[in-house]
Amino acid sequence: MDSETFFSVHTKQEAVATCQTCPVNNCCLDYALEFESEFGIWGGYTARQRVRYRRELKLYAATQLRQGRRGAISKLGSDDTLSE
């Protein structure tokens, strides 16, 4: 089965639900954010949601740096802000 047919358009919610139970969903999301994956659901986020999330991360990081803070960035936003 190829990546195009793994989850059809009608089962996007099922794919996201599957990601929520996956033990490596954060690593998956990190990979998609780093390599700017254009398609599919990675770490429970659609491509459109990842674009928005990437913007949020950049803004958050810039704000933290201006305030002199360093360290890991936790997952931002709520499900409501990233819903389509």
PDB file of N, CA and C in Angstrom:
ATOM      1  N   MET A   1       0.846  -1.167   0.000  1.00  0.00           N
ATOM      2  CA  MET A   1       0.000   0.000   0.000  1.00  0.00           C
ATOM      3  C   MET A   1       0.899   1.240   0.000  1.00  0.00           C
ATOM      4  N   ASP A   2       0.653   2.178  -0.886  1.00  0.00           N
ATOM      5  CA  ASP A   2       1.483   3.380  -0.944  1.00  0.00           C
ATOM      6  C   ASP A   2       0.953   4.449   0.011  1.00  0.00           C
ATOM      7  N   SER A   3       1.753   5.495   0.206  1.00  0.00           N
ATOM      8  CA  SER A   3       1.379   6.532   1.171  1.00  0.00           C
ATOM      9  C   SER A   3       0.128   7.300   0.759  1.00  0.00           C
ATOM     10  N   GLU A   4      -0.173   7.332  -0.528  1.00  0.00           N
ATOM     11  CA  GLU A   4      -1.366   8.035  -1.000  1.00  0.00           C
ATOM     12  C   GLU A   4      -2.651   7.345  -0.554  1.00  0.00           C
ATOM     13  N   THR A   5      -2.628   6.036  -0.425  1.00  0.00           N
ATOM     14  CA  THR A   5      -3.848   5.303  -0.096  1.00  0.00           C
ATOM     15  C   THR A   5      -3.878   4.798   1.343  1.00  0.00           C
ATOM     16  N   PHE A   6      -2.827   5.054   2.120  1.00  0.00           N
ATOM     17  CA  PHE A   6      -2.807   4.564   3.493  1.00  0.00           C
ATOM     18  C   PHE A   6      -4.018   5.079   4.262  1.00  0.00           C
ATOM     19  N   PHE A   7      -4.283   6.367   4.173  1.00  0.00           N
ATOM     20  CA  PHE A   7      -5.478   6.946   4.746  1.00  0.00           C
ATOM     21  C   PHE A   7      -6.149   7.785   3.668  1.00  0.00           C
ATOM     22  N   SER A   8      -7.387   7.477   3.348  1.00  0.00           N
ATOM     23  CA  SER A   8      -8.102   8.255   2.346  1.00  0.00           C
ATOM     24  C   SER A   8      -8.560   9.576   2.955  1.00  0.00           C
ATOM     25  N   VAL A   9      -9.068  10.443   2.114  1.00  0.00           N
ATOM     26  CA  VAL A   9      -9.573  11.736   2.582  1.00  0.00           C
ATOM     27  C   VAL A   9     -10.646  11.534   3.645  1.00  0.00           C
ATOM     28  N   HIS A  10     -11.438  10.503   3.500  1.00  0.00           N
ATOM     29  CA  HIS A  10     -12.554  10.252   4.414  1.00  0.00           C
ATOM     30  C   HIS A  10     -12.102   9.753   5.782  1.00  0.00           C
ATOM     31  N   THR A  11     -10.885   9.303   5.876  1.00  0.00           N
ATOM     32  CA  THR A  11     -10.433   8.740   7.148  1.00  0.00           C
ATOM     33  C   THR A  11      -9.351   9.598   7.806  1.00  0.00           C
ATOM     34  N   LYS A  12      -9.300  10.887   7.467  1.00  0.00           N
ATOM     35  CA  LYS A  12      -8.303  11.773   8.066  1.00  0.00           C
ATOM     36  C   LYS A  12      -8.431  11.777   9.583  1.00  0.00           C
ATOM     37  N   GLN A  13      -9.654  11.790  10.065  1.00  0.00           N
ATOM     38  CA  GLN A  13      -9.866  11.787  11.513  1.00  0.00           C
ATOM     39  C   GLN A  13      -9.345  10.501  12.142  1.00  0.00           C
ATOM     40  N   GLU A  14      -9.494   9.383  11.435  1.00  0.00           N
ATOM     41  CA  GLU A  14      -8.965   8.119  11.945  1.00  0.00           C
ATOM     42  C   GLU A  14      -7.440   8.166  12.004  1.00  0.00           C
ATOM     43  N   ALA A  15      -6.828   8.772  11.004  1.00  0.00           N
ATOM     44  CA  ALA A  15      -5.368   8.885  10.984  1.00  0.00           C
ATOM     45  C   ALA A  15      -4.886   9.728  12.161  1.00  0.00           C
ATOM     46  N   VAL A  16      -5.546  10.844  12.399  1.00  0.00           N
ATOM     47  CA  VAL A  16      -5.176  11.707  13.513  1.00  0.00           C
ATOM     48  C   VAL A  16      -5.363  10.956  14.831  1.00  0.00           C
ATOM     49  N   ALA A  17      -6.442  10.222  14.954  1.00  0.00           N
ATOM     50  CA  ALA A  17      -6.700   9.442  16.166  1.00  0.00           C
ATOM     51  C   ALA A  17      -5.618   8.380  16.368  1.00  0.00           C
ATOM     52  N   THR A  18      -5.190   7.756  15.286  1.00  0.00           N
ATOM     53  CA  THR A  18      -4.121   6.761  15.365  1.00  0.00           C
ATOM     54  C   THR A  18      -2.838   7.411  15.869  1.00  0.00           C
ATOM     55  N   CYS A  19      -2.551   8.605  15.371  1.00  0.00           N
ATOM     56  CA  CYS A  19      -1.348   9.325  15.803  1.00  0.00           C
ATOM     57  C   CYS A  19      -1.379   9.636  17.298  1.00  0.00           C
ATOM     58  N   GLN A  20      -2.545   9.926  17.817  1.00  0.00           N
ATOM     59  CA  GLN A  20      -2.660  10.282  19.231  1.00  0.00           C
ATOM     60  C   GLN A  20      -2.250   9.126  20.147  1.00  0.00           C
ATOM     61  N   THR A  21      -2.374   7.901  19.669  1.00  0.00           N
ATOM     62  CA  THR A  21      -2.010   6.746  20.491  1.00  0.00           C
ATOM     63  C   THR A  21      -0.613   6.222  20.187  1.00  0.00           C
ATOM     64  N   CYS A  22       0.050   6.811  19.217  1.00  0.00           N
ATOM     65  CA  CYS A  22       1.373   6.342  18.796  1.00  0.00           C
ATOM     66  C   CYS A  22       2.446   6.810  19.782  1.00  0.00           C
ATOM     67  N   PRO A  23       3.339   5.916  20.200  1.00  0.00           N
ATOM     68  CA  PRO A  23       4.353   6.308  21.178  1.00  0.00           C
ATOM     69  C   PRO A  23       5.444   7.223  20.610  1.00  0.00           C
ATOM     70  N   VAL A  24       5.539   7.352  19.306  1.00  0.00           N
ATOM     71  CA  VAL A  24       6.582   8.193  18.705  1.00  0.00           C
ATOM     72  C   VAL A  24       6.002   9.386  17.945  1.00  0.00           C
ATOM     73  N   ASN A  25       4.766   9.779  18.270  1.00  0.00           N
ATOM     74  CA  ASN A  25       4.141  10.859  17.503  1.00  0.00           C
ATOM     75  C   ASN A  25       4.908  12.175  17.601  1.00  0.00           C
ATOM     76  N   ASN A  26       5.548  12.471  18.723  1.00  0.00           N
ATOM     77  CA  ASN A  26       6.334  13.696  18.830  1.00  0.00           C
ATOM     78  C   ASN A  26       7.554  13.665  17.911  1.00  0.00           C
ATOM     79  N   CYS A  27       8.205  12.517  17.822  1.00  0.00           N
ATOM     80  CA  CYS A  27       9.355  12.374  16.919  1.00  0.00           C
ATOM     81  C   CYS A  27       8.900  12.519  15.468  1.00  0.00           C
ATOM     82  N   CYS A  28       7.777  11.950  15.171  1.00  0.00           N
ATOM     83  CA  CYS A  28       7.200  12.035  13.831  1.00  0.00           C
ATOM     84  C   CYS A  28       6.901  13.492  13.471  1.00  0.00           C
ATOM     85  N   LEU A  29       6.292  14.224  14.386  1.00  0.00           N
ATOM     86  CA  LEU A  29       5.992  15.631  14.159  1.00  0.00           C
ATOM     87  C   LEU A  29       7.279  16.435  14.006  1.00  0.00           C
ATOM     88  N   ASP A  30       8.268  16.167  14.855  1.00  0.00           N
ATOM     89  CA  ASP A  30       9.558  16.860  14.740  1.00  0.00           C
ATOM     90  C   ASP A  30      10.171  16.662  13.360  1.00  0.00           C
ATOM     91  N   TYR A  31      10.127  15.421  12.876  1.00  0.00           N
ATOM     92  CA  TYR A  31      10.679  15.115  11.548  1.00  0.00           C
ATOM     93  C   TYR A  31       9.947  15.913  10.471  1.00  0.00           C
ATOM     94  N   ALA A  32       8.625  15.911  10.526  1.00  0.00           N
ATOM     95  CA  ALA A  32       7.835  16.622   9.517  1.00  0.00           C
ATOM     96  C   ALA A  32       8.088  18.120   9.567  1.00  0.00           C
ATOM     97  N   LEU A  33       8.265  18.663  10.760  1.00  0.00           N
ATOM     98  CA  LEU A  33       8.547  20.094  10.879  1.00  0.00           C
ATOM     99  C   LEU A  33       9.940  20.433  10.362  1.00  0.00           C
ATOM    100  N   GLU A  34      10.900  19.588  10.685  1.00  0.00           N
ATOM    101  CA  GLU A  34      12.278  19.849  10.256  1.00  0.00           C
ATOM    102  C   GLU A  34      12.430  19.761   8.742  1.00  0.00           C
ATOM    103  N   PHE A  35      11.806  18.746   8.138  1.00  0.00           N
ATOM    104  CA  PHE A  35      11.972  18.526   6.707  1.00  0.00           C
ATOM    105  C   PHE A  35      10.809  19.068   5.880  1.00  0.00           C
ATOM    106  N   GLU A  36       9.930  19.836   6.529  1.00  0.00           N
ATOM    107  CA  GLU A  36       8.814  20.516   5.880  1.00  0.00           C
ATOM    108  C   GLU A  36       8.013  19.603   4.950  1.00  0.00           C
ATOM    109  N   SER A  37       7.593  18.476   5.484  1.00  0.00           N
ATOM    110  CA  SER A  37       6.774  17.531   4.733  1.00  0.00           C
ATOM    111  C   SER A  37       5.496  18.214   4.272  1.00  0.00           C
ATOM    112  N   GLU A  38       5.218  18.121   2.988  1.00  0.00           N
ATOM    113  CA  GLU A  38       4.072  18.823   2.406  1.00  0.00           C
ATOM    114  C   GLU A  38       2.768  18.048   2.493  1.00  0.00           C
ATOM    115  N   PHE A  39       2.853  16.738   2.588  1.00  0.00           N
ATOM    116  CA  PHE A  39       1.661  15.906   2.481  1.00  0.00           C
ATOM    117  C   PHE A  39       1.524  14.994   3.679  1.00  0.00           C
ATOM    118  N   GLY A  40       0.304  14.554   3.893  1.00  0.00           N
ATOM    119  CA  GLY A  40       0.035  13.537   4.888  1.00  0.00           C
ATOM    120  C   GLY A  40      -0.115  14.073   6.294  1.00  0.00           C
ATOM    121  N   ILE A  41      -0.395  13.159   7.181  1.00  0.00           N
ATOM    122  CA  ILE A  41      -0.555  13.468   8.593  1.00  0.00           C
ATOM    123  C   ILE A  41       0.675  12.926   9.305  1.00  0.00           C
ATOM    124  N   TRP A  42       1.356  13.808   9.987  1.00  0.00           N
ATOM    125  CA  TRP A  42       2.577  13.467  10.714  1.00  0.00           C
ATOM    126  C   TRP A  42       2.389  13.915  12.156  1.00  0.00           C
ATOM    127  N   GLY A  43       2.546  13.023  13.085  1.00  0.00           N
ATOM    128  CA  GLY A  43       2.428  13.382  14.492  1.00  0.00           C
ATOM    129  C   GLY A  43       1.063  13.917  14.876  1.00  0.00           C
ATOM    130  N   GLY A  44       0.045  13.587  14.097  1.00  0.00           N
ATOM    131  CA  GLY A  44      -1.308  14.031  14.395  1.00  0.00           C
ATOM    132  C   GLY A  44      -1.668  15.381  13.802  1.00  0.00           C
ATOM    133  N   TYR A  45      -0.811  15.930  12.956  1.00  0.00           N
ATOM    134  CA  TYR A  45      -1.059  17.231  12.338  1.00  0.00           C
ATOM    135  C   TYR A  45      -1.133  17.087  10.820  1.00  0.00           C
ATOM    136  N   THR A  46      -2.072  17.794  10.224  1.00  0.00           N
ATOM    137  CA  THR A  46      -2.149  17.840   8.760  1.00  0.00           C
ATOM    138  C   THR A  46      -1.083  18.810   8.259  1.00  0.00           C
ATOM    139  N   ALA A  47      -0.865  18.825   6.949  1.00  0.00           N
ATOM    140  CA  ALA A  47       0.126  19.727   6.365  1.00  0.00           C
ATOM    141  C   ALA A  47      -0.203  21.183   6.683  1.00  0.00           C
ATOM    142  N   ARG A  48      -1.454  21.552   6.572  1.00  0.00           N
ATOM    143  CA  ARG A  48      -1.872  22.926   6.861  1.00  0.00           C
ATOM    144  C   ARG A  48      -1.639  23.285   8.326  1.00  0.00           C
ATOM    145  N   GLN A  49      -1.938  22.356   9.205  1.00  0.00           N
ATOM    146  CA  GLN A  49      -1.724  22.599  10.628  1.00  0.00           C
ATOM    147  C   GLN A  49      -0.240  22.749  10.942  1.00  0.00           C
ATOM    148  N   ARG A  50       0.602  21.966  10.260  1.00  0.00           N
ATOM    149  CA  ARG A  50       2.045  22.069  10.491  1.00  0.00           C
ATOM    150  C   ARG A  50       2.594  23.416  10.049  1.00  0.00           C
ATOM    151  N   VAL A  51       2.055  23.973   8.971  1.00  0.00           N
ATOM    152  CA  VAL A  51       2.487  25.300   8.525  1.00  0.00           C
ATOM    153  C   VAL A  51       2.202  26.324   9.621  1.00  0.00           C
ATOM    154  N   ARG A  52       0.993  26.286  10.165  1.00  0.00           N
ATOM    155  CA  ARG A  52       0.620  27.214  11.242  1.00  0.00           C
ATOM    156  C   ARG A  52       1.467  26.982  12.494  1.00  0.00           C
ATOM    157  N   TYR A  53       1.670  25.716  12.825  1.00  0.00           N
ATOM    158  CA  TYR A  53       2.436  25.363  14.021  1.00  0.00           C
ATOM    159  C   TYR A  53       3.879  25.845  13.881  1.00  0.00           C
ATOM    160  N   ARG A  54       4.446  25.692  12.693  1.00  0.00           N
ATOM    161  CA  ARG A  54       5.813  26.150  12.448  1.00  0.00           C
ATOM    162  C   ARG A  54       5.911  27.666  12.685  1.00  0.00           C
ATOM    163  N   ARG A  55       4.914  28.416  12.206  1.00  0.00           N
ATOM    164  CA  ARG A  55       4.884  29.865  12.435  1.00  0.00           C
ATOM    165  C   ARG A  55       4.818  30.177  13.923  1.00  0.00           C
ATOM    166  N   GLU A  56       3.958  29.453  14.653  1.00  0.00           N
ATOM    167  CA  GLU A  56       3.839  29.645  16.100  1.00  0.00           C
ATOM    168  C   GLU A  56       5.168  29.382  16.792  1.00  0.00           C
ATOM    169  N   LEU A  57       5.847  28.320  16.383  1.00  0.00           N
ATOM    170  CA  LEU A  57       7.131  27.980  16.995  1.00  0.00           C
ATOM    171  C   LEU A  57       8.160  29.085  16.768  1.00  0.00           C
ATOM    172  N   LYS A  58       8.213  29.612  15.547  1.00  0.00           N
ATOM    173  CA  LYS A  58       9.175  30.676  15.251  1.00  0.00           C
ATOM    174  C   LYS A  58       8.888  31.920  16.087  1.00  0.00           C
ATOM    175  N   LEU A  59       7.631  32.286  16.176  1.00  0.00           N
ATOM    176  CA  LEU A  59       7.249  33.452  16.973  1.00  0.00           C
ATOM    177  C   LEU A  59       7.570  33.233  18.444  1.00  0.00           C
ATOM    178  N   TYR A  60       7.234  32.068  18.952  1.00  0.00           N
ATOM    179  CA  TYR A  60       7.496  31.734  20.353  1.00  0.00           C
ATOM    180  C   TYR A  60       8.996  31.764  20.633  1.00  0.00           C
ATOM    181  N   ALA A  61       9.789  31.141  19.759  1.00  0.00           N
ATOM    182  CA  ALA A  61      11.241  31.100  19.954  1.00  0.00           C
ATOM    183  C   ALA A  61      11.829  32.509  19.934  1.00  0.00           C
ATOM    184  N   ALA A  62      11.388  33.337  18.995  1.00  0.00           N
ATOM    185  CA  ALA A  62      11.889  34.716  18.919  1.00  0.00           C
ATOM    186  C   ALA A  62      11.551  35.481  20.189  1.00  0.00           C
ATOM    187  N   THR A  63      10.343  35.303  20.699  1.00  0.00           N
ATOM    188  CA  THR A  63       9.922  35.979  21.934  1.00  0.00           C
ATOM    189  C   THR A  63      10.778  35.517  23.109  1.00  0.00           C
ATOM    190  N   GLN A  64      10.996  34.226  23.205  1.00  0.00           N
ATOM    191  CA  GLN A  64      11.794  33.679  24.308  1.00  0.00           C
ATOM    192  C   GLN A  64      13.233  34.178  24.240  1.00  0.00           C
ATOM    193  N   LEU A  65      13.793  34.237  23.035  1.00  0.00           N
ATOM    194  CA  LEU A  65      15.167  34.717  22.886  1.00  0.00           C
ATOM    195  C   LEU A  65      15.281  36.193  23.260  1.00  0.00           C
ATOM    196  N   ARG A  66      14.285  36.994  22.863  1.00  0.00           N
ATOM    197  CA  ARG A  66      14.288  38.416  23.227  1.00  0.00           C
ATOM    198  C   ARG A  66      14.247  38.582  24.750  1.00  0.00           C
ATOM    199  N   GLN A  67      13.591  37.667  25.412  1.00  0.00           N
ATOM    200  CA  GLN A  67      13.476  37.732  26.869  1.00  0.00           C
ATOM    201  C   GLN A  67      14.662  37.059  27.562  1.00  0.00           C
ATOM    202  N   GLY A  68      15.605  36.567  26.775  1.00  0.00           N
ATOM    203  CA  GLY A  68      16.804  35.951  27.344  1.00  0.00           C
ATOM    204  C   GLY A  68      16.618  34.540  27.844  1.00  0.00           C
ATOM    205  N   ARG A  69      15.556  33.893  27.438  1.00  0.00           N
ATOM    206  CA  ARG A  69      15.290  32.522  27.878  1.00  0.00           C
ATOM    207  C   ARG A  69      15.860  31.530  26.879  1.00  0.00           C
ATOM    208  N   ARG A  70      16.352  30.424  27.392  1.00  0.00           N
ATOM    209  CA  ARG A  70      16.902  29.356  26.559  1.00  0.00           C
ATOM    210  C   ARG A  70      16.282  28.034  27.023  1.00  0.00           C
ATOM    211  N   GLY A  71      16.356  27.019  26.181  1.00  0.00           N
ATOM    212  CA  GLY A  71      15.885  25.701  26.591  1.00  0.00           C
ATOM    213  C   GLY A  71      14.934  25.096  25.579  1.00  0.00           C
ATOM    214  N   ALA A  72      14.398  23.950  25.919  1.00  0.00           N
ATOM    215  CA  ALA A  72      13.500  23.223  25.031  1.00  0.00           C
ATOM    216  C   ALA A  72      12.174  23.950  24.895  1.00  0.00           C
ATOM    217  N   ILE A  73      11.549  23.769  23.736  1.00  0.00           N
ATOM    218  CA  ILE A  73      10.241  24.359  23.473  1.00  0.00           C
ATOM    219  C   ILE A  73       9.199  23.258  23.583  1.00  0.00           C
ATOM    220  N   SER A  74       8.237  23.461  24.454  1.00  0.00           N
ATOM    221  CA  SER A  74       7.175  22.471  24.591  1.00  0.00           C
ATOM    222  C   SER A  74       6.160  22.652  23.470  1.00  0.00           C
ATOM    223  N   LYS A  75       5.287  21.693  23.324  1.00  0.00           N
ATOM    224  CA  LYS A  75       4.250  21.739  22.289  1.00  0.00           C
ATOM    225  C   LYS A  75       3.347  22.941  22.525  1.00  0.00           C
ATOM    226  N   LEU A  76       3.152  23.742  21.486  1.00  0.00           N
ATOM    227  CA  LEU A  76       2.387  24.978  21.602  1.00  0.00           C
ATOM    228  C   LEU A  76       0.955  24.805  21.148  1.00  0.00           C
ATOM    229  N   GLY A  77       0.149  25.797  21.451  1.00  0.00           N
ATOM    230  CA  GLY A  77      -1.199  25.881  20.905  1.00  0.00           C
ATOM    231  C   GLY A  77      -2.138  24.855  21.488  1.00  0.00           C
ATOM    232  N   SER A  78      -3.378  25.039  21.166  1.00  0.00           N
ATOM    233  CA  SER A  78      -4.389  24.077  21.570  1.00  0.00           C
ATOM    234  C   SER A  78      -4.970  23.459  20.306  1.00  0.00           C
ATOM    235  N   ASP A  79      -5.706  22.408  20.468  1.00  0.00           N
ATOM    236  CA  ASP A  79      -6.329  21.771  19.312  1.00  0.00           C
ATOM    237  C   ASP A  79      -7.240  22.738  18.574  1.00  0.00           C
ATOM    238  N   ASP A  80      -7.843  23.665  19.308  1.00  0.00           N
ATOM    239  CA  ASP A  80      -8.745  24.639  18.685  1.00  0.00           C
ATOM    240  C   ASP A  80      -8.018  25.564  17.729  1.00  0.00           C
ATOM    241  N   THR A  81      -6.802  25.986  18.071  1.00  0.00           N
ATOM    242  CA  THR A  81      -6.091  26.929  17.209  1.00  0.00           C
ATOM    243  C   THR A  81      -5.585  26.264  15.943  1.00  0.00           C
ATOM    244  N   LEU A  82      -5.438  24.960  15.975  1.00  0.00           N
ATOM    245  CA  LEU A  82      -4.905  24.266  14.806  1.00  0.00           C
ATOM    246  C   LEU A  82      -5.957  23.512  14.016  1.00  0.00           C
ATOM    247  N   SER A  83      -7.205  23.605  14.418  1.00  0.00           N
ATOM    248  CA  SER A  83      -8.233  22.867  13.700  1.00  0.00           C
ATOM    249  C   SER A  83      -8.511  23.523  12.352  1.00  0.00           C
ATOM    250  N   GLU A  84      -8.915  22.697  11.420  1.00  0.00           N
ATOM    251  CA  GLU A  84      -9.202  23.198  10.067  1.00  0.00           C
ATOM    252  C   GLU A  84     -10.669  23.359   9.862  1.00  0.00           C
TER     253      GLU A  84
END
